[in-house]
C-alpha atoms as a PDB file:
ATOM      1  CA  GLN A   1      33.404 -11.821 -11.810  1.00  0.00           C
ATOM      2  CA  SER A   2      34.087 -14.023  -8.883  1.00  0.00           C
ATOM      3  CA  LEU A   3      36.000 -11.333  -7.151  1.00  0.00           C
ATOM      4  CA  ALA A   4      33.114  -8.931  -8.050  1.00  0.00           C
ATOM      5  CA  LYS A   5      31.051 -10.939  -7.006  1.00  0.00           C
ATOM      6  CA  LEU A   6      32.627 -11.868  -3.306  1.00  0.00           C
ATOM      7  CA  LEU A   7      32.980  -7.466  -2.952  1.00  0.00           C
ATOM      8  CA  ASN A   8      29.183  -7.440  -3.240  1.00  0.00           C
ATOM      9  CA  GLU A   9      28.356  -9.821  -1.194  1.00  0.00           C
ATOM     10  CA  ASN A  10      30.853  -7.983   1.344  1.00  0.00           C
ATOM     11  CA  LEU A  11      29.150  -4.566   1.096  1.00  0.00           C
ATOM     12  CA  PRO A  12      26.743  -3.219   3.813  1.00  0.00           C
ATOM     13  CA  PRO A  13      23.133  -3.080   2.079  1.00  0.00           C
ATOM     14  CA  TRP A  14      22.833   0.870   2.189  1.00  0.00           C
ATOM     15  CA  PRO A  15      26.123   2.056   1.532  1.00  0.00           C
ATOM     16  CA  ILE A  16      27.023   5.616   2.916  1.00  0.00           C
ATOM     17  CA  THR A  17      29.172   7.594   0.333  1.00  0.00           C
ATOM     18  CA  THR A  18      31.504   9.867   2.190  1.00  0.00           C
ATOM     19  CA  LEU A  19      29.655  13.121   1.383  1.00  0.00           C
ATOM     20  CA  ALA A  20      26.756  11.666   2.407  1.00  0.00           C
ATOM     21  CA  ALA A  21      28.766  10.827   5.838  1.00  0.00           C
ATOM     22  CA  LEU A  22      30.280  14.137   6.106  1.00  0.00           C
ATOM     23  CA  ALA A  23      26.562  16.143   5.723  1.00  0.00           C
ATOM     24  CA  ALA A  24      25.410  13.705   8.430  1.00  0.00           C
ATOM     25  CA  THR A  25      28.659  14.320  10.873  1.00  0.00           C
ATOM     26  CA  ALA A  26      27.798  18.173  10.232  1.00  0.00           C
ATOM     27  CA  ALA A  27      24.443  17.746  10.939  1.00  0.00           C
ATOM     28  CA  LEU A  28      24.796  15.995  14.021  1.00  0.00           C
ATOM     29  CA  LYS A  29      27.156  18.821  15.127  1.00  0.00           C
ATOM     30  CA  GLU A  30      23.830  20.967  15.462  1.00  0.00           C
ATOM     31  CA  ASP A  31      22.340  20.291  18.627  1.00  0.00           C
ATOM     32  CA  ALA A  32      19.196  22.394  18.725  1.00  0.00           C
ATOM     33  CA  PHE A  33      18.841  20.872  14.862  1.00  0.00           C
ATOM     34  CA  ALA A  34      18.880  17.486  15.684  1.00  0.00           C
ATOM     35  CA  ALA A  35      16.711  17.489  19.029  1.00  0.00           C
ATOM     36  CA  SER A  36      14.321  19.482  17.167  1.00  0.00           C
ATOM     37  CA  THR A  37      14.502  16.799  13.973  1.00  0.00           C
ATOM     38  CA  ARG A  38      14.026  14.110  16.903  1.00  0.00           C
ATOM     39  CA  GLU A  39      11.127  15.643  18.611  1.00  0.00           C
ATOM     40  CA  ARG A  40       9.037  16.661  14.833  1.00  0.00           C
ATOM     41  CA  ASN A  41       9.945  12.670  13.501  1.00  0.00           C
ATOM     42  CA  GLN A  42       8.702  11.372  16.788  1.00  0.00           C
ATOM     43  CA  PHE A  43       5.560  13.204  16.930  1.00  0.00           C
ATOM     44  CA  ARG A  44       5.147  12.310  13.294  1.00  0.00           C
ATOM     45  CA  ARG A  45       6.219   8.640  14.119  1.00  0.00           C
ATOM     46  CA  THR A  46       3.541   8.581  16.481  1.00  0.00           C
ATOM     47  CA  GLN A  47       0.883  10.144  14.458  1.00  0.00           C
ATOM     48  CA  LEU A  48       1.445   7.612  11.742  1.00  0.00           C
ATOM     49  CA  ARG A  49       1.334   4.384  14.116  1.00  0.00           C
ATOM     50  CA  ASP A  50      -1.824   5.815  15.604  1.00  0.00           C
ATOM     51  CA  GLY A  51      -3.548   6.152  12.191  1.00  0.00           C
ATOM     52  CA  LEU A  52      -2.682   2.732  11.484  1.00  0.00           C
ATOM     53  CA  GLU A  53      -3.734   1.079  14.743  1.00  0.00           C
ATOM     54  CA  ALA A  54      -7.144   2.801  14.057  1.00  0.00           C
ATOM     55  CA  LEU A  55      -7.308   0.821  11.108  1.00  0.00           C
ATOM     56  CA  GLY A  56      -6.973  -2.876  12.908  1.00  0.00           C
ATOM     57  CA  LEU A  57      -3.305  -2.807  11.692  1.00  0.00           C
ATOM     58  CA  CYS A  58      -0.353  -4.243  14.053  1.00  0.00           C
ATOM     59  CA  THR A  59       2.515  -1.899  14.119  1.00  0.00           C
ATOM     60  CA  TYR A  60       6.101  -2.417  15.628  1.00  0.00           C
ATOM     61  CA  PRO A  61       7.580   0.014  17.737  1.00  0.00           C
ATOM     62  CA  SER A  62      10.098   1.956  15.717  1.00  0.00           C
ATOM     63  CA  ALA A  63      13.197   4.577  16.410  1.00  0.00           C
ATOM     64  CA  ALA A  64      13.713   5.490  12.934  1.00  0.00           C
ATOM     65  CA  ASN A  65      11.243   7.294  10.297  1.00  0.00           C
ATOM     66  CA  TYR A  66       9.709   4.527   9.051  1.00  0.00           C
ATOM     67  CA  LEU A  67       7.040   1.740  10.896  1.00  0.00           C
ATOM     68  CA  LEU A  68       6.723  -1.237   9.876  1.00  0.00           C
ATOM     69  CA  PHE A  69       3.442  -3.053   9.764  1.00  0.00           C
ATOM     70  CA  GLN A  70       1.171  -6.136   8.859  1.00  0.00           C
ATOM     71  CA  LEU A  71      -1.823  -6.737   7.197  1.00  0.00           C
ATOM     72  CA  PRO A  72      -5.227  -8.714   8.134  1.00  0.00           C
ATOM     73  CA  ASP A  73      -4.924 -12.206   8.068  1.00  0.00           C
ATOM     74  CA  ASN A  74      -7.841 -11.920   5.121  1.00  0.00           C
ATOM     75  CA  THR A  75      -5.583  -9.276   2.725  1.00  0.00           C
ATOM     76  CA  SER A  76      -3.609 -10.514  -0.043  1.00  0.00           C
ATOM     77  CA  PRO A  77      -0.238  -8.669   0.422  1.00  0.00           C
ATOM     78  CA  GLN A  78       0.341  -8.903  -3.504  1.00  0.00           C
ATOM     79  CA  ILE A  79      -3.404  -7.403  -4.113  1.00  0.00           C
ATOM     80  CA  PHE A  80      -2.845  -4.945  -1.409  1.00  0.00           C
ATOM     81  CA  TRP A  81       0.813  -3.330  -2.714  1.00  0.00           C
ATOM     82  CA  GLU A  82      -0.747  -2.929  -6.677  1.00  0.00           C
ATOM     83  CA  ARG A  83      -4.009  -1.183  -5.683  1.00  0.00           C
ATOM     84  CA  MET A  84      -1.903   1.445  -3.199  1.00  0.00           C
ATOM     85  CA  ILE A  85       0.411   1.874  -6.789  1.00  0.00           C
ATOM     86  CA  LEU A  86      -2.420   1.781  -9.136  1.00  0.00           C
ATOM     87  CA  GLU A  87      -5.123   3.918  -7.203  1.00  0.00           C
ATOM     88  CA  HIS A  88      -3.446   6.107  -4.797  1.00  0.00           C
ATOM     89  CA  HIS A  89       0.267   6.329  -6.244  1.00  0.00           C
ATOM     90  CA  LEU A  90       2.060   5.315  -3.148  1.00  0.00           C
ATOM     91  CA  VAL A  91       4.641   2.778  -2.769  1.00  0.00           C
ATOM     92  CA  LEU A  92       5.057   0.720   0.296  1.00  0.00           C
ATOM     93  CA  ARG A  93       8.141  -1.371   1.327  1.00  0.00           C
ATOM     94  CA  ASN A  94       6.527  -5.061   0.592  1.00  0.00           C
ATOM     95  CA  CYS A  95       8.811  -7.039   3.701  1.00  0.00           C
ATOM     96  CA  SER A  96       7.639 -10.425   2.160  1.00  0.00           C
ATOM     97  CA  ASN A  97      11.506 -11.210   1.991  1.00  0.00           C
ATOM     98  CA  TYR A  98      13.057 -10.484   4.920  1.00  0.00           C
ATOM     99  CA  GLU A  99      14.111 -13.183   6.890  1.00  0.00           C
ATOM    100  CA  ASN A 100      11.516 -14.450   9.207  1.00  0.00           C
ATOM    101  CA  LEU A 101       9.122 -12.185   8.887  1.00  0.00           C
ATOM    102  CA  PRO A 102       5.780 -13.860   6.960  1.00  0.00           C
ATOM    103  CA  ASP A 103       3.726 -12.151   4.506  1.00  0.00           C
ATOM    104  CA  GLY A 104       1.665  -9.034   4.810  1.00  0.00           C
ATOM    105  CA  HIS A 105       4.363  -6.898   6.540  1.00  0.00           C
ATOM    106  CA  PHE A 106       5.108  -3.435   4.840  1.00  0.00           C
ATOM    107  CA  ARG A 107       7.476  -0.291   5.817  1.00  0.00           C
ATOM    108  CA  CYS A 108       6.502   3.068   5.156  1.00  0.00           C
ATOM    109  CA  ALA A 109       8.204   6.220   5.609  1.00  0.00           C
ATOM    110  CA  VAL A 110       7.031   8.710   8.280  1.00  0.00           C
ATOM    111  CA  ARG A 111       6.375  12.004   6.511  1.00  0.00           C
ATOM    112  CA  THR A 112       4.730  15.278   7.120  1.00  0.00           C
ATOM    113  CA  GLU A 113       1.409  15.412   8.852  1.00  0.00           C
ATOM    114  CA  SER A 114      -0.643  15.957   5.870  1.00  0.00           C
ATOM    115  CA  GLU A 115       1.172  13.310   4.166  1.00  0.00           C
ATOM    116  CA  ASN A 116       0.786  10.628   6.897  1.00  0.00           C
ATOM    117  CA  GLU A 117      -2.973  11.145   7.120  1.00  0.00           C
ATOM    118  CA  ALA A 118      -3.233  11.132   3.206  1.00  0.00           C
ATOM    119  CA  LEU A 119      -1.244   7.513   3.646  1.00  0.00           C
ATOM    120  CA  VAL A 120      -3.868   6.492   6.379  1.00  0.00           C
ATOM    121  CA  GLN A 121      -6.862   7.263   4.401  1.00  0.00           C
ATOM    122  CA  ALA A 122      -5.559   5.434   1.064  1.00  0.00           C
ATOM    123  CA  ILE A 123      -4.673   2.397   3.174  1.00  0.00           C
ATOM    124  CA  SER A 124      -8.221   2.482   4.769  1.00  0.00           C
ATOM    125  CA  ALA A 125      -9.832   2.647   1.508  1.00  0.00           C
ATOM    126  CA  VAL A 126      -7.783  -0.548   0.226  1.00  0.00           C
ATOM    127  CA  LEU A 127      -8.111  -2.109   3.297  1.00  0.00           C
ATOM    128  CA  SER A 128     -11.751  -1.672   2.908  1.00  0.00           C
ATOM    129  CA  SER A 129     -12.171  -2.844  -0.419  1.00  0.00           C
ATOM    130  CA  CYS A 130      -9.476  -5.809  -0.412  1.00  0.00           C
END
């Protein structure tokens, strides 16, 4: 049991399988596809960031396909998180267990334009009633 625990403690948080690594390598060889994907992701990330900031939320710079944002101080992170799930069927990553990051931070995936708009509308609805 101690060997298994030691191995688990030394694994990367998100291990990549051999198949996933091969797929990523093949996809990166497609220069036009990779460039198009980066452009589309940047546009969608900017759209989502702008929508969140229009709600008065603090967002953090990102080059990934997700954004980190902080709720207003007067909003309960737990109630916000629960209501997003119950009322809108959307699960956001609660980042309260991130080291040195205070409560009220959440991470959301960058999705299609319409999904981003729906997410911003759902967050707006929950924030307005919290």
